[in-house]
PDBML (XML) file of the C-alpha atoms, coordinates in Angstrom:
<?xml version="1.0" encoding="UTF-8" ?>
<PDBx:datablock datablockName="MODEL"
   xmlns:PDBx="http://pdbml.pdb.org/schema/pdbx-v50.xsd"
   xmlns:xsi="http://www.w3.org/2001/XMLSchema-instance"
   xsi:schemaLocation="http://pdbml.pdb.org/schema/pdbx-v50.xsd pdbx-v50.xsd">
   <PDBx:atom_siteCategory>
      <PDBx:atom_site id="1">
         <PDBx:B_iso_or_equiv>0.00</PDBx:B_iso_or_equiv>
         <PDBx:Cartn_x>-3.616</PDBx:Cartn_x>
         <PDBx:Cartn_y>66.784</PDBx:Cartn_y>
         <PDBx:Cartn_z>45.168</PDBx:Cartn_z>
         <PDBx:auth_asym_id>A</PDBx:auth_asym_id>
         <PDBx:auth_atom_id>CA</PDBx:auth_atom_id>
         <PDBx:auth_comp_id>GLY</PDBx:auth_comp_id>
         <PDBx:auth_seq_id>1</PDBx:auth_seq_id>
         <PDBx:group_PDB>ATOM</PDBx:group_PDB>
         <PDBx:label_alt_id xsi:nil="true" />
         <PDBx:label_asym_id>A</PDBx:label_asym_id>
         <PDBx:label_atom_id>CA</PDBx:label_atom_id>
         <PDBx:label_comp_id>GLY</PDBx:label_comp_id>
         <PDBx:label_entity_id>1</PDBx:label_entity_id>
         <PDBx:label_seq_id>1</PDBx:label_seq_id>
         <PDBx:occupancy>1.00</PDBx:occupancy>
         <PDBx:pdbx_PDB_model_num>1</PDBx:pdbx_PDB_model_num>
         <PDBx:type_symbol>C</PDBx:type_symbol>
      </PDBx:atom_site>
      <PDBx:atom_site id="2">
         <PDBx:B_iso_or_equiv>0.00</PDBx:B_iso_or_equiv>
         <PDBx:Cartn_x>-0.242</PDBx:Cartn_x>
         <PDBx:Cartn_y>68.420</PDBx:Cartn_y>
         <PDBx:Cartn_z>45.596</PDBx:Cartn_z>
         <PDBx:auth_asym_id>A</PDBx:auth_asym_id>
         <PDBx:auth_atom_id>CA</PDBx:auth_atom_id>
         <PDBx:auth_comp_id>GLY</PDBx:auth_comp_id>
         <PDBx:auth_seq_id>2</PDBx:auth_seq_id>
         <PDBx:group_PDB>ATOM</PDBx:group_PDB>
         <PDBx:label_alt_id xsi:nil="true" />
         <PDBx:label_asym_id>A</PDBx:label_asym_id>
         <PDBx:label_atom_id>CA</PDBx:label_atom_id>
         <PDBx:label_comp_id>GLY</PDBx:label_comp_id>
         <PDBx:label_entity_id>1</PDBx:label_entity_id>
         <PDBx:label_seq_id>2</PDBx:label_seq_id>
         <PDBx:occupancy>1.00</PDBx:occupancy>
         <PDBx:pdbx_PDB_model_num>1</PDBx:pdbx_PDB_model_num>
         <PDBx:type_symbol>C</PDBx:type_symbol>
      </PDBx:atom_site>
      <PDBx:atom_site id="3">
         <PDBx:B_iso_or_equiv>0.00</PDBx:B_iso_or_equiv>
         <PDBx:Cartn_x>-1.337</PDBx:Cartn_x>
         <PDBx:Cartn_y>71.856</PDBx:Cartn_y>
         <PDBx:Cartn_z>44.484</PDBx:Cartn_z>
         <PDBx:auth_asym_id>A</PDBx:auth_asym_id>
         <PDBx:auth_atom_id>CA</PDBx:auth_atom_id>
         <PDBx:auth_comp_id>CYS</PDBx:auth_comp_id>
         <PDBx:auth_seq_id>3</PDBx:auth_seq_id>
         <PDBx:group_PDB>ATOM</PDBx:group_PDB>
         <PDBx:label_alt_id xsi:nil="true" />
         <PDBx:label_asym_id>A</PDBx:label_asym_id>
         <PDBx:label_atom_id>CA</PDBx:label_atom_id>
         <PDBx:label_comp_id>CYS</PDBx:label_comp_id>
         <PDBx:label_entity_id>1</PDBx:label_entity_id>
         <PDBx:label_seq_id>3</PDBx:label_seq_id>
         <PDBx:occupancy>1.00</PDBx:occupancy>
         <PDBx:pdbx_PDB_model_num>1</PDBx:pdbx_PDB_model_num>
         <PDBx:type_symbol>C</PDBx:type_symbol>
      </PDBx:atom_site>
      <PDBx:atom_site id="4">
         <PDBx:B_iso_or_equiv>0.00</PDBx:B_iso_or_equiv>
         <PDBx:Cartn_x>-3.345</PDBx:Cartn_x>
         <PDBx:Cartn_y>72.358</PDBx:Cartn_y>
         <PDBx:Cartn_z>47.666</PDBx:Cartn_z>
         <PDBx:auth_asym_id>A</PDBx:auth_asym_id>
         <PDBx:auth_atom_id>CA</PDBx:auth_atom_id>
         <PDBx:auth_comp_id>ASN</PDBx:auth_comp_id>
         <PDBx:auth_seq_id>4</PDBx:auth_seq_id>
         <PDBx:group_PDB>ATOM</PDBx:group_PDB>
         <PDBx:label_alt_id xsi:nil="true" />
         <PDBx:label_asym_id>A</PDBx:label_asym_id>
         <PDBx:label_atom_id>CA</PDBx:label_atom_id>
         <PDBx:label_comp_id>ASN</PDBx:label_comp_id>
         <PDBx:label_entity_id>1</PDBx:label_entity_id>
         <PDBx:label_seq_id>4</PDBx:label_seq_id>
         <PDBx:occupancy>1.00</PDBx:occupancy>
         <PDBx:pdbx_PDB_model_num>1</PDBx:pdbx_PDB_model_num>
         <PDBx:type_symbol>C</PDBx:type_symbol>
      </PDBx:atom_site>
      <PDBx:atom_site id="5">
         <PDBx:B_iso_or_equiv>0.00</PDBx:B_iso_or_equiv>
         <PDBx:Cartn_x>-0.919</PDBx:Cartn_x>
         <PDBx:Cartn_y>70.785</PDBx:Cartn_y>
         <PDBx:Cartn_z>50.108</PDBx:Cartn_z>
         <PDBx:auth_asym_id>A</PDBx:auth_asym_id>
         <PDBx:auth_atom_id>CA</PDBx:auth_atom_id>
         <PDBx:auth_comp_id>ARG</PDBx:auth_comp_id>
         <PDBx:auth_seq_id>5</PDBx:auth_seq_id>
         <PDBx:group_PDB>ATOM</PDBx:group_PDB>
         <PDBx:label_alt_id xsi:nil="true" />
         <PDBx:label_asym_id>A</PDBx:label_asym_id>
         <PDBx:label_atom_id>CA</PDBx:label_atom_id>
         <PDBx:label_comp_id>ARG</PDBx:label_comp_id>
         <PDBx:label_entity_id>1</PDBx:label_entity_id>
         <PDBx:label_seq_id>5</PDBx:label_seq_id>
         <PDBx:occupancy>1.00</PDBx:occupancy>
         <PDBx:pdbx_PDB_model_num>1</PDBx:pdbx_PDB_model_num>
         <PDBx:type_symbol>C</PDBx:type_symbol>
      </PDBx:atom_site>
      <PDBx:atom_site id="6">
         <PDBx:B_iso_or_equiv>0.00</PDBx:B_iso_or_equiv>
         <PDBx:Cartn_x>0.929</PDBx:Cartn_x>
         <PDBx:Cartn_y>73.946</PDBx:Cartn_y>
         <PDBx:Cartn_z>51.062</PDBx:Cartn_z>
         <PDBx:auth_asym_id>A</PDBx:auth_asym_id>
         <PDBx:auth_atom_id>CA</PDBx:auth_atom_id>
         <PDBx:auth_comp_id>LEU</PDBx:auth_comp_id>
         <PDBx:auth_seq_id>6</PDBx:auth_seq_id>
         <PDBx:group_PDB>ATOM</PDBx:group_PDB>
         <PDBx:label_alt_id xsi:nil="true" />
         <PDBx:label_asym_id>A</PDBx:label_asym_id>
         <PDBx:label_atom_id>CA</PDBx:label_atom_id>
         <PDBx:label_comp_id>LEU</PDBx:label_comp_id>
         <PDBx:label_entity_id>1</PDBx:label_entity_id>
         <PDBx:label_seq_id>6</PDBx:label_seq_id>
         <PDBx:occupancy>1.00</PDBx:occupancy>
         <PDBx:pdbx_PDB_model_num>1</PDBx:pdbx_PDB_model_num>
         <PDBx:type_symbol>C</PDBx:type_symbol>
      </PDBx:atom_site>
      <PDBx:atom_site id="7">
         <PDBx:B_iso_or_equiv>0.00</PDBx:B_iso_or_equiv>
         <PDBx:Cartn_x>-0.463</PDBx:Cartn_x>
         <PDBx:Cartn_y>77.132</PDBx:Cartn_y>
         <PDBx:Cartn_z>52.467</PDBx:Cartn_z>
         <PDBx:auth_asym_id>A</PDBx:auth_asym_id>
         <PDBx:auth_atom_id>CA</PDBx:auth_atom_id>
         <PDBx:auth_comp_id>ASN</PDBx:auth_comp_id>
         <PDBx:auth_seq_id>7</PDBx:auth_seq_id>
         <PDBx:group_PDB>ATOM</PDBx:group_PDB>
         <PDBx:label_alt_id xsi:nil="true" />
         <PDBx:label_asym_id>A</PDBx:label_asym_id>
         <PDBx:label_atom_id>CA</PDBx:label_atom_id>
         <PDBx:label_comp_id>ASN</PDBx:label_comp_id>
         <PDBx:label_entity_id>1</PDBx:label_entity_id>
         <PDBx:label_seq_id>7</PDBx:label_seq_id>
         <PDBx:occupancy>1.00</PDBx:occupancy>
         <PDBx:pdbx_PDB_model_num>1</PDBx:pdbx_PDB_model_num>
         <PDBx:type_symbol>C</PDBx:type_symbol>
      </PDBx:atom_site>
      <PDBx:atom_site id="8">
         <PDBx:B_iso_or_equiv>0.00</PDBx:B_iso_or_equiv>
         <PDBx:Cartn_x>2.052</PDBx:Cartn_x>
         <PDBx:Cartn_y>79.928</PDBx:Cartn_y>
         <PDBx:Cartn_z>52.029</PDBx:Cartn_z>
         <PDBx:auth_asym_id>A</PDBx:auth_asym_id>
         <PDBx:auth_atom_id>CA</PDBx:auth_atom_id>
         <PDBx:auth_comp_id>LEU</PDBx:auth_comp_id>
         <PDBx:auth_seq_id>8</PDBx:auth_seq_id>
         <PDBx:group_PDB>ATOM</PDBx:group_PDB>
         <PDBx:label_alt_id xsi:nil="true" />
         <PDBx:label_asym_id>A</PDBx:label_asym_id>
         <PDBx:label_atom_id>CA</PDBx:label_atom_id>
         <PDBx:label_comp_id>LEU</PDBx:label_comp_id>
         <PDBx:label_entity_id>1</PDBx:label_entity_id>
         <PDBx:label_seq_id>8</PDBx:label_seq_id>
         <PDBx:occupancy>1.00</PDBx:occupancy>
         <PDBx:pdbx_PDB_model_num>1</PDBx:pdbx_PDB_model_num>
         <PDBx:type_symbol>C</PDBx:type_symbol>
      </PDBx:atom_site>
      <PDBx:atom_site id="9">
         <PDBx:B_iso_or_equiv>0.00</PDBx:B_iso_or_equiv>
         <PDBx:Cartn_x>-0.249</PDBx:Cartn_x>
         <PDBx:Cartn_y>82.394</PDBx:Cartn_y>
         <PDBx:Cartn_z>53.689</PDBx:Cartn_z>
         <PDBx:auth_asym_id>A</PDBx:auth_asym_id>
         <PDBx:auth_atom_id>CA</PDBx:auth_atom_id>
         <PDBx:auth_comp_id>ARG</PDBx:auth_comp_id>
         <PDBx:auth_seq_id>9</PDBx:auth_seq_id>
         <PDBx:group_PDB>ATOM</PDBx:group_PDB>
         <PDBx:label_alt_id xsi:nil="true" />
         <PDBx:label_asym_id>A</PDBx:label_asym_id>
         <PDBx:label_atom_id>CA</PDBx:label_atom_id>
         <PDBx:label_comp_id>ARG</PDBx:label_comp_id>
         <PDBx:label_entity_id>1</PDBx:label_entity_id>
         <PDBx:label_seq_id>9</PDBx:label_seq_id>
         <PDBx:occupancy>1.00</PDBx:occupancy>
         <PDBx:pdbx_PDB_model_num>1</PDBx:pdbx_PDB_model_num>
         <PDBx:type_symbol>C</PDBx:type_symbol>
      </PDBx:atom_site>
      <PDBx:atom_site id="10">
         <PDBx:B_iso_or_equiv>0.00</PDBx:B_iso_or_equiv>
         <PDBx:Cartn_x>0.521</PDBx:Cartn_x>
         <PDBx:Cartn_y>80.912</PDBx:Cartn_y>
         <PDBx:Cartn_z>57.101</PDBx:Cartn_z>
         <PDBx:auth_asym_id>A</PDBx:auth_asym_id>
         <PDBx:auth_atom_id>CA</PDBx:auth_atom_id>
         <PDBx:auth_comp_id>ASP</PDBx:auth_comp_id>
         <PDBx:auth_seq_id>10</PDBx:auth_seq_id>
         <PDBx:group_PDB>ATOM</PDBx:group_PDB>
         <PDBx:label_alt_id xsi:nil="true" />
         <PDBx:label_asym_id>A</PDBx:label_asym_id>
         <PDBx:label_atom_id>CA</PDBx:label_atom_id>
         <PDBx:label_comp_id>ASP</PDBx:label_comp_id>
         <PDBx:label_entity_id>1</PDBx:label_entity_id>
         <PDBx:label_seq_id>10</PDBx:label_seq_id>
         <PDBx:occupancy>1.00</PDBx:occupancy>
         <PDBx:pdbx_PDB_model_num>1</PDBx:pdbx_PDB_model_num>
         <PDBx:type_symbol>C</PDBx:type_symbol>
      </PDBx:atom_site>
      <PDBx:atom_site id="11">
         <PDBx:B_iso_or_equiv>0.00</PDBx:B_iso_or_equiv>
         <PDBx:Cartn_x>3.699</PDBx:Cartn_x>
         <PDBx:Cartn_y>83.018</PDBx:Cartn_y>
         <PDBx:Cartn_z>57.107</PDBx:Cartn_z>
         <PDBx:auth_asym_id>A</PDBx:auth_asym_id>
         <PDBx:auth_atom_id>CA</PDBx:auth_atom_id>
         <PDBx:auth_comp_id>HIS</PDBx:auth_comp_id>
         <PDBx:auth_seq_id>11</PDBx:auth_seq_id>
         <PDBx:group_PDB>ATOM</PDBx:group_PDB>
         <PDBx:label_alt_id xsi:nil="true" />
         <PDBx:label_asym_id>A</PDBx:label_asym_id>
         <PDBx:label_atom_id>CA</PDBx:label_atom_id>
         <PDBx:label_comp_id>HIS</PDBx:label_comp_id>
         <PDBx:label_entity_id>1</PDBx:label_entity_id>
         <PDBx:label_seq_id>11</PDBx:label_seq_id>
         <PDBx:occupancy>1.00</PDBx:occupancy>
         <PDBx:pdbx_PDB_model_num>1</PDBx:pdbx_PDB_model_num>
         <PDBx:type_symbol>C</PDBx:type_symbol>
      </PDBx:atom_site>
      <PDBx:atom_site id="12">
         <PDBx:B_iso_or_equiv>0.00</PDBx:B_iso_or_equiv>
         <PDBx:Cartn_x>2.455</PDBx:Cartn_x>
         <PDBx:Cartn_y>86.172</PDBx:Cartn_y>
         <PDBx:Cartn_z>55.385</PDBx:Cartn_z>
         <PDBx:auth_asym_id>A</PDBx:auth_asym_id>
         <PDBx:auth_atom_id>CA</PDBx:auth_atom_id>
         <PDBx:auth_comp_id>ALA</PDBx:auth_comp_id>
         <PDBx:auth_seq_id>12</PDBx:auth_seq_id>
         <PDBx:group_PDB>ATOM</PDBx:group_PDB>
         <PDBx:label_alt_id xsi:nil="true" />
         <PDBx:label_asym_id>A</PDBx:label_asym_id>
         <PDBx:label_atom_id>CA</PDBx:label_atom_id>
         <PDBx:label_comp_id>ALA</PDBx:label_comp_id>
         <PDBx:label_entity_id>1</PDBx:label_entity_id>
         <PDBx:label_seq_id>12</PDBx:label_seq_id>
         <PDBx:occupancy>1.00</PDBx:occupancy>
         <PDBx:pdbx_PDB_model_num>1</PDBx:pdbx_PDB_model_num>
         <PDBx:type_symbol>C</PDBx:type_symbol>
      </PDBx:atom_site>
      <PDBx:atom_site id="13">
         <PDBx:B_iso_or_equiv>0.00</PDBx:B_iso_or_equiv>
         <PDBx:Cartn_x>0.611</PDBx:Cartn_x>
         <PDBx:Cartn_y>89.148</PDBx:Cartn_y>
         <PDBx:Cartn_z>56.784</PDBx:Cartn_z>
         <PDBx:auth_asym_id>A</PDBx:auth_asym_id>
         <PDBx:auth_atom_id>CA</PDBx:auth_atom_id>
         <PDBx:auth_comp_id>GLU</PDBx:auth_comp_id>
         <PDBx:auth_seq_id>13</PDBx:auth_seq_id>
         <PDBx:group_PDB>ATOM</PDBx:group_PDB>
         <PDBx:label_alt_id xsi:nil="true" />
         <PDBx:label_asym_id>A</PDBx:label_asym_id>
         <PDBx:label_atom_id>CA</PDBx:label_atom_id>
         <PDBx:label_comp_id>GLU</PDBx:label_comp_id>
         <PDBx:label_entity_id>1</PDBx:label_entity_id>
         <PDBx:label_seq_id>13</PDBx:label_seq_id>
         <PDBx:occupancy>1.00</PDBx:occupancy>
         <PDBx:pdbx_PDB_model_num>1</PDBx:pdbx_PDB_model_num>
         <PDBx:type_symbol>C</PDBx:type_symbol>
      </PDBx:atom_site>
      <PDBx:atom_site id="14">
         <PDBx:B_iso_or_equiv>0.00</PDBx:B_iso_or_equiv>
         <PDBx:Cartn_x>-1.250</PDBx:Cartn_x>
         <PDBx:Cartn_y>89.603</PDBx:Cartn_y>
         <PDBx:Cartn_z>53.520</PDBx:Cartn_z>
         <PDBx:auth_asym_id>A</PDBx:auth_asym_id>
         <PDBx:auth_atom_id>CA</PDBx:auth_atom_id>
         <PDBx:auth_comp_id>GLU</PDBx:auth_comp_id>
         <PDBx:auth_seq_id>14</PDBx:auth_seq_id>
         <PDBx:group_PDB>ATOM</PDBx:group_PDB>
         <PDBx:label_alt_id xsi:nil="true" />
         <PDBx:label_asym_id>A</PDBx:label_asym_id>
         <PDBx:label_atom_id>CA</PDBx:label_atom_id>
         <PDBx:label_comp_id>GLU</PDBx:label_comp_id>
         <PDBx:label_entity_id>1</PDBx:label_entity_id>
         <PDBx:label_seq_id>14</PDBx:label_seq_id>
         <PDBx:occupancy>1.00</PDBx:occupancy>
         <PDBx:pdbx_PDB_model_num>1</PDBx:pdbx_PDB_model_num>
         <PDBx:type_symbol>C</PDBx:type_symbol>
      </PDBx:atom_site>
      <PDBx:atom_site id="15">
         <PDBx:B_iso_or_equiv>0.00</PDBx:B_iso_or_equiv>
         <PDBx:Cartn_x>-2.213</PDBx:Cartn_x>
         <PDBx:Cartn_y>87.683</PDBx:Cartn_y>
         <PDBx:Cartn_z>50.403</PDBx:Cartn_z>
         <PDBx:auth_asym_id>A</PDBx:auth_asym_id>
         <PDBx:auth_atom_id>CA</PDBx:auth_atom_id>
         <PDBx:auth_comp_id>LEU</PDBx:auth_comp_id>
         <PDBx:auth_seq_id>15</PDBx:auth_seq_id>
         <PDBx:group_PDB>ATOM</PDBx:group_PDB>
         <PDBx:label_alt_id xsi:nil="true" />
         <PDBx:label_asym_id>A</PDBx:label_asym_id>
         <PDBx:label_atom_id>CA</PDBx:label_atom_id>
         <PDBx:label_comp_id>LEU</PDBx:label_comp_id>
         <PDBx:label_entity_id>1</PDBx:label_entity_id>
         <PDBx:label_seq_id>15</PDBx:label_seq_id>
         <PDBx:occupancy>1.00</PDBx:occupancy>
         <PDBx:pdbx_PDB_model_num>1</PDBx:pdbx_PDB_model_num>
         <PDBx:type_symbol>C</PDBx:type_symbol>
      </PDBx:atom_site>
      <PDBx:atom_site id="16">
         <PDBx:B_iso_or_equiv>0.00</PDBx:B_iso_or_equiv>
         <PDBx:Cartn_x>1.167</PDBx:Cartn_x>
         <PDBx:Cartn_y>87.419</PDBx:Cartn_y>
         <PDBx:Cartn_z>48.625</PDBx:Cartn_z>
         <PDBx:auth_asym_id>A</PDBx:auth_asym_id>
         <PDBx:auth_atom_id>CA</PDBx:auth_atom_id>
         <PDBx:auth_comp_id>PRO</PDBx:auth_comp_id>
         <PDBx:auth_seq_id>16</PDBx:auth_seq_id>
         <PDBx:group_PDB>ATOM</PDBx:group_PDB>
         <PDBx:label_alt_id xsi:nil="true" />
         <PDBx:label_asym_id>A</PDBx:label_asym_id>
         <PDBx:label_atom_id>CA</PDBx:label_atom_id>
         <PDBx:label_comp_id>PRO</PDBx:label_comp_id>
         <PDBx:label_entity_id>1</PDBx:label_entity_id>
         <PDBx:label_seq_id>16</PDBx:label_seq_id>
         <PDBx:occupancy>1.00</PDBx:occupancy>
         <PDBx:pdbx_PDB_model_num>1</PDBx:pdbx_PDB_model_num>
         <PDBx:type_symbol>C</PDBx:type_symbol>
      </PDBx:atom_site>
      <PDBx:atom_site id="17">
         <PDBx:B_iso_or_equiv>0.00</PDBx:B_iso_or_equiv>
         <PDBx:Cartn_x>1.543</PDBx:Cartn_x>
         <PDBx:Cartn_y>87.806</PDBx:Cartn_y>
         <PDBx:Cartn_z>44.891</PDBx:Cartn_z>
         <PDBx:auth_asym_id>A</PDBx:auth_asym_id>
         <PDBx:auth_atom_id>CA</PDBx:auth_atom_id>
         <PDBx:auth_comp_id>LEU</PDBx:auth_comp_id>
         <PDBx:auth_seq_id>17</PDBx:auth_seq_id>
         <PDBx:group_PDB>ATOM</PDBx:group_PDB>
         <PDBx:label_alt_id xsi:nil="true" />
         <PDBx:label_asym_id>A</PDBx:label_asym_id>
         <PDBx:label_atom_id>CA</PDBx:label_atom_id>
         <PDBx:label_comp_id>LEU</PDBx:label_comp_id>
         <PDBx:label_entity_id>1</PDBx:label_entity_id>
         <PDBx:label_seq_id>17</PDBx:label_seq_id>
         <PDBx:occupancy>1.00</PDBx:occupancy>
         <PDBx:pdbx_PDB_model_num>1</PDBx:pdbx_PDB_model_num>
         <PDBx:type_symbol>C</PDBx:type_symbol>
      </PDBx:atom_site>
      <PDBx:atom_site id="18">
         <PDBx:B_iso_or_equiv>0.00</PDBx:B_iso_or_equiv>
         <PDBx:Cartn_x>2.852</PDBx:Cartn_x>
         <PDBx:Cartn_y>84.275</PDBx:Cartn_y>
         <PDBx:Cartn_z>44.452</PDBx:Cartn_z>
         <PDBx:auth_asym_id>A</PDBx:auth_asym_id>
         <PDBx:auth_atom_id>CA</PDBx:auth_atom_id>
         <PDBx:auth_comp_id>GLU</PDBx:auth_comp_id>
         <PDBx:auth_seq_id>18</PDBx:auth_seq_id>
         <PDBx:group_PDB>ATOM</PDBx:group_PDB>
         <PDBx:label_alt_id xsi:nil="true" />
         <PDBx:label_asym_id>A</PDBx:label_asym_id>
         <PDBx:label_atom_id>CA</PDBx:label_atom_id>
         <PDBx:label_comp_id>GLU</PDBx:label_comp_id>
         <PDBx:label_entity_id>1</PDBx:label_entity_id>
         <PDBx:label_seq_id>18</PDBx:label_seq_id>
         <PDBx:occupancy>1.00</PDBx:occupancy>
         <PDBx:pdbx_PDB_model_num>1</PDBx:pdbx_PDB_model_num>
         <PDBx:type_symbol>C</PDBx:type_symbol>
      </PDBx:atom_site>
      <PDBx:atom_site id="19">
         <PDBx:B_iso_or_equiv>0.00</PDBx:B_iso_or_equiv>
         <PDBx:Cartn_x>4.865</PDBx:Cartn_x>
         <PDBx:Cartn_y>84.633</PDBx:Cartn_y>
         <PDBx:Cartn_z>41.204</PDBx:Cartn_z>
         <PDBx:auth_asym_id>A</PDBx:auth_asym_id>
         <PDBx:auth_atom_id>CA</PDBx:auth_atom_id>
         <PDBx:auth_comp_id>PRO</PDBx:auth_comp_id>
         <PDBx:auth_seq_id>19</PDBx:auth_seq_id>
         <PDBx:group_PDB>ATOM</PDBx:group_PDB>
         <PDBx:label_alt_id xsi:nil="true" />
         <PDBx:label_asym_id>A</PDBx:label_asym_id>
         <PDBx:label_atom_id>CA</PDBx:label_atom_id>
         <PDBx:label_comp_id>PRO</PDBx:label_comp_id>
         <PDBx:label_entity_id>1</PDBx:label_entity_id>
         <PDBx:label_seq_id>19</PDBx:label_seq_id>
         <PDBx:occupancy>1.00</PDBx:occupancy>
         <PDBx:pdbx_PDB_model_num>1</PDBx:pdbx_PDB_model_num>
         <PDBx:type_symbol>C</PDBx:type_symbol>
      </PDBx:atom_site>
      <PDBx:atom_site id="20">
         <PDBx:B_iso_or_equiv>0.00</PDBx:B_iso_or_equiv>
         <PDBx:Cartn_x>6.748</PDBx:Cartn_x>
         <PDBx:Cartn_y>87.511</PDBx:Cartn_y>
         <PDBx:Cartn_z>42.810</PDBx:Cartn_z>
         <PDBx:auth_asym_id>A</PDBx:auth_asym_id>
         <PDBx:auth_atom_id>CA</PDBx:auth_atom_id>
         <PDBx:auth_comp_id>TYR</PDBx:auth_comp_id>
         <PDBx:auth_seq_id>20</PDBx:auth_seq_id>
         <PDBx:group_PDB>ATOM</PDBx:group_PDB>
         <PDBx:label_alt_id xsi:nil="true" />
         <PDBx:label_asym_id>A</PDBx:label_asym_id>
         <PDBx:label_atom_id>CA</PDBx:label_atom_id>
         <PDBx:label_comp_id>TYR</PDBx:label_comp_id>
         <PDBx:label_entity_id>1</PDBx:label_entity_id>
         <PDBx:label_seq_id>20</PDBx:label_seq_id>
         <PDBx:occupancy>1.00</PDBx:occupancy>
         <PDBx:pdbx_PDB_model_num>1</PDBx:pdbx_PDB_model_num>
         <PDBx:type_symbol>C</PDBx:type_symbol>
      </PDBx:atom_site>
      <PDBx:atom_site id="21">
         <PDBx:B_iso_or_equiv>0.00</PDBx:B_iso_or_equiv>
         <PDBx:Cartn_x>7.003</PDBx:Cartn_x>
         <PDBx:Cartn_y>85.556</PDBx:Cartn_y>
         <PDBx:Cartn_z>46.048</PDBx:Cartn_z>
         <PDBx:auth_asym_id>A</PDBx:auth_asym_id>
         <PDBx:auth_atom_id>CA</PDBx:auth_atom_id>
         <PDBx:auth_comp_id>LEU</PDBx:auth_comp_id>
         <PDBx:auth_seq_id>21</PDBx:auth_seq_id>
         <PDBx:group_PDB>ATOM</PDBx:group_PDB>
         <PDBx:label_alt_id xsi:nil="true" />
         <PDBx:label_asym_id>A</PDBx:label_asym_id>
         <PDBx:label_atom_id>CA</PDBx:label_atom_id>
         <PDBx:label_comp_id>LEU</PDBx:label_comp_id>
         <PDBx:label_entity_id>1</PDBx:label_entity_id>
         <PDBx:label_seq_id>21</PDBx:label_seq_id>
         <PDBx:occupancy>1.00</PDBx:occupancy>
         <PDBx:pdbx_PDB_model_num>1</PDBx:pdbx_PDB_model_num>
         <PDBx:type_symbol>C</PDBx:type_symbol>
      </PDBx:atom_site>
      <PDBx:atom_site id="22">
         <PDBx:B_iso_or_equiv>0.00</PDBx:B_iso_or_equiv>
         <PDBx:Cartn_x>8.588</PDBx:Cartn_x>
         <PDBx:Cartn_y>82.602</PDBx:Cartn_y>
         <PDBx:Cartn_z>44.258</PDBx:Cartn_z>
         <PDBx:auth_asym_id>A</PDBx:auth_asym_id>
         <PDBx:auth_atom_id>CA</PDBx:auth_atom_id>
         <PDBx:auth_comp_id>ALA</PDBx:auth_comp_id>
         <PDBx:auth_seq_id>22</PDBx:auth_seq_id>
         <PDBx:group_PDB>ATOM</PDBx:group_PDB>
         <PDBx:label_alt_id xsi:nil="true" />
         <PDBx:label_asym_id>A</PDBx:label_asym_id>
         <PDBx:label_atom_id>CA</PDBx:label_atom_id>
         <PDBx:label_comp_id>ALA</PDBx:label_comp_id>
         <PDBx:label_entity_id>1</PDBx:label_entity_id>
         <PDBx:label_seq_id>22</PDBx:label_seq_id>
         <PDBx:occupancy>1.00</PDBx:occupancy>
         <PDBx:pdbx_PDB_model_num>1</PDBx:pdbx_PDB_model_num>
         <PDBx:type_symbol>C</PDBx:type_symbol>
      </PDBx:atom_site>
      <PDBx:atom_site id="23">
         <PDBx:B_iso_or_equiv>0.00</PDBx:B_iso_or_equiv>
         <PDBx:Cartn_x>11.021</PDBx:Cartn_x>
         <PDBx:Cartn_y>84.860</PDBx:Cartn_y>
         <PDBx:Cartn_z>42.396</PDBx:Cartn_z>
         <PDBx:auth_asym_id>A</PDBx:auth_asym_id>
         <PDBx:auth_atom_id>CA</PDBx:auth_atom_id>
         <PDBx:auth_comp_id>GLU</PDBx:auth_comp_id>
         <PDBx:auth_seq_id>23</PDBx:auth_seq_id>
         <PDBx:group_PDB>ATOM</PDBx:group_PDB>
         <PDBx:label_alt_id xsi:nil="true" />
         <PDBx:label_asym_id>A</PDBx:label_asym_id>
         <PDBx:label_atom_id>CA</PDBx:label_atom_id>
         <PDBx:label_comp_id>GLU</PDBx:label_comp_id>
         <PDBx:label_entity_id>1</PDBx:label_entity_id>
         <PDBx:label_seq_id>23</PDBx:label_seq_id>
         <PDBx:occupancy>1.00</PDBx:occupancy>
         <PDBx:pdbx_PDB_model_num>1</PDBx:pdbx_PDB_model_num>
         <PDBx:type_symbol>C</PDBx:type_symbol>
      </PDBx:atom_site>
      <PDBx:atom_site id="24">
         <PDBx:B_iso_or_equiv>0.00</PDBx:B_iso_or_equiv>
         <PDBx:Cartn_x>12.142</PDBx:Cartn_x>
         <PDBx:Cartn_y>86.318</PDBx:Cartn_y>
         <PDBx:Cartn_z>45.723</PDBx:Cartn_z>
         <PDBx:auth_asym_id>A</PDBx:auth_asym_id>
         <PDBx:auth_atom_id>CA</PDBx:auth_atom_id>
         <PDBx:auth_comp_id>LEU</PDBx:auth_comp_id>
         <PDBx:auth_seq_id>24</PDBx:auth_seq_id>
         <PDBx:group_PDB>ATOM</PDBx:group_PDB>
         <PDBx:label_alt_id xsi:nil="true" />
         <PDBx:label_asym_id>A</PDBx:label_asym_id>
         <PDBx:label_atom_id>CA</PDBx:label_atom_id>
         <PDBx:label_comp_id>LEU</PDBx:label_comp_id>
         <PDBx:label_entity_id>1</PDBx:label_entity_id>
         <PDBx:label_seq_id>24</PDBx:label_seq_id>
         <PDBx:occupancy>1.00</PDBx:occupancy>
         <PDBx:pdbx_PDB_model_num>1</PDBx:pdbx_PDB_model_num>
         <PDBx:type_symbol>C</PDBx:type_symbol>
      </PDBx:atom_site>
   </PDBx:atom_siteCategory>
</PDBx:datablock>
């Protein structure tokens, strides 16, 4: 259930590469 709770793309202009996003 938790895996789908957040939508990071609300704040990105493109589909982010999430492992790199999390490292940033």
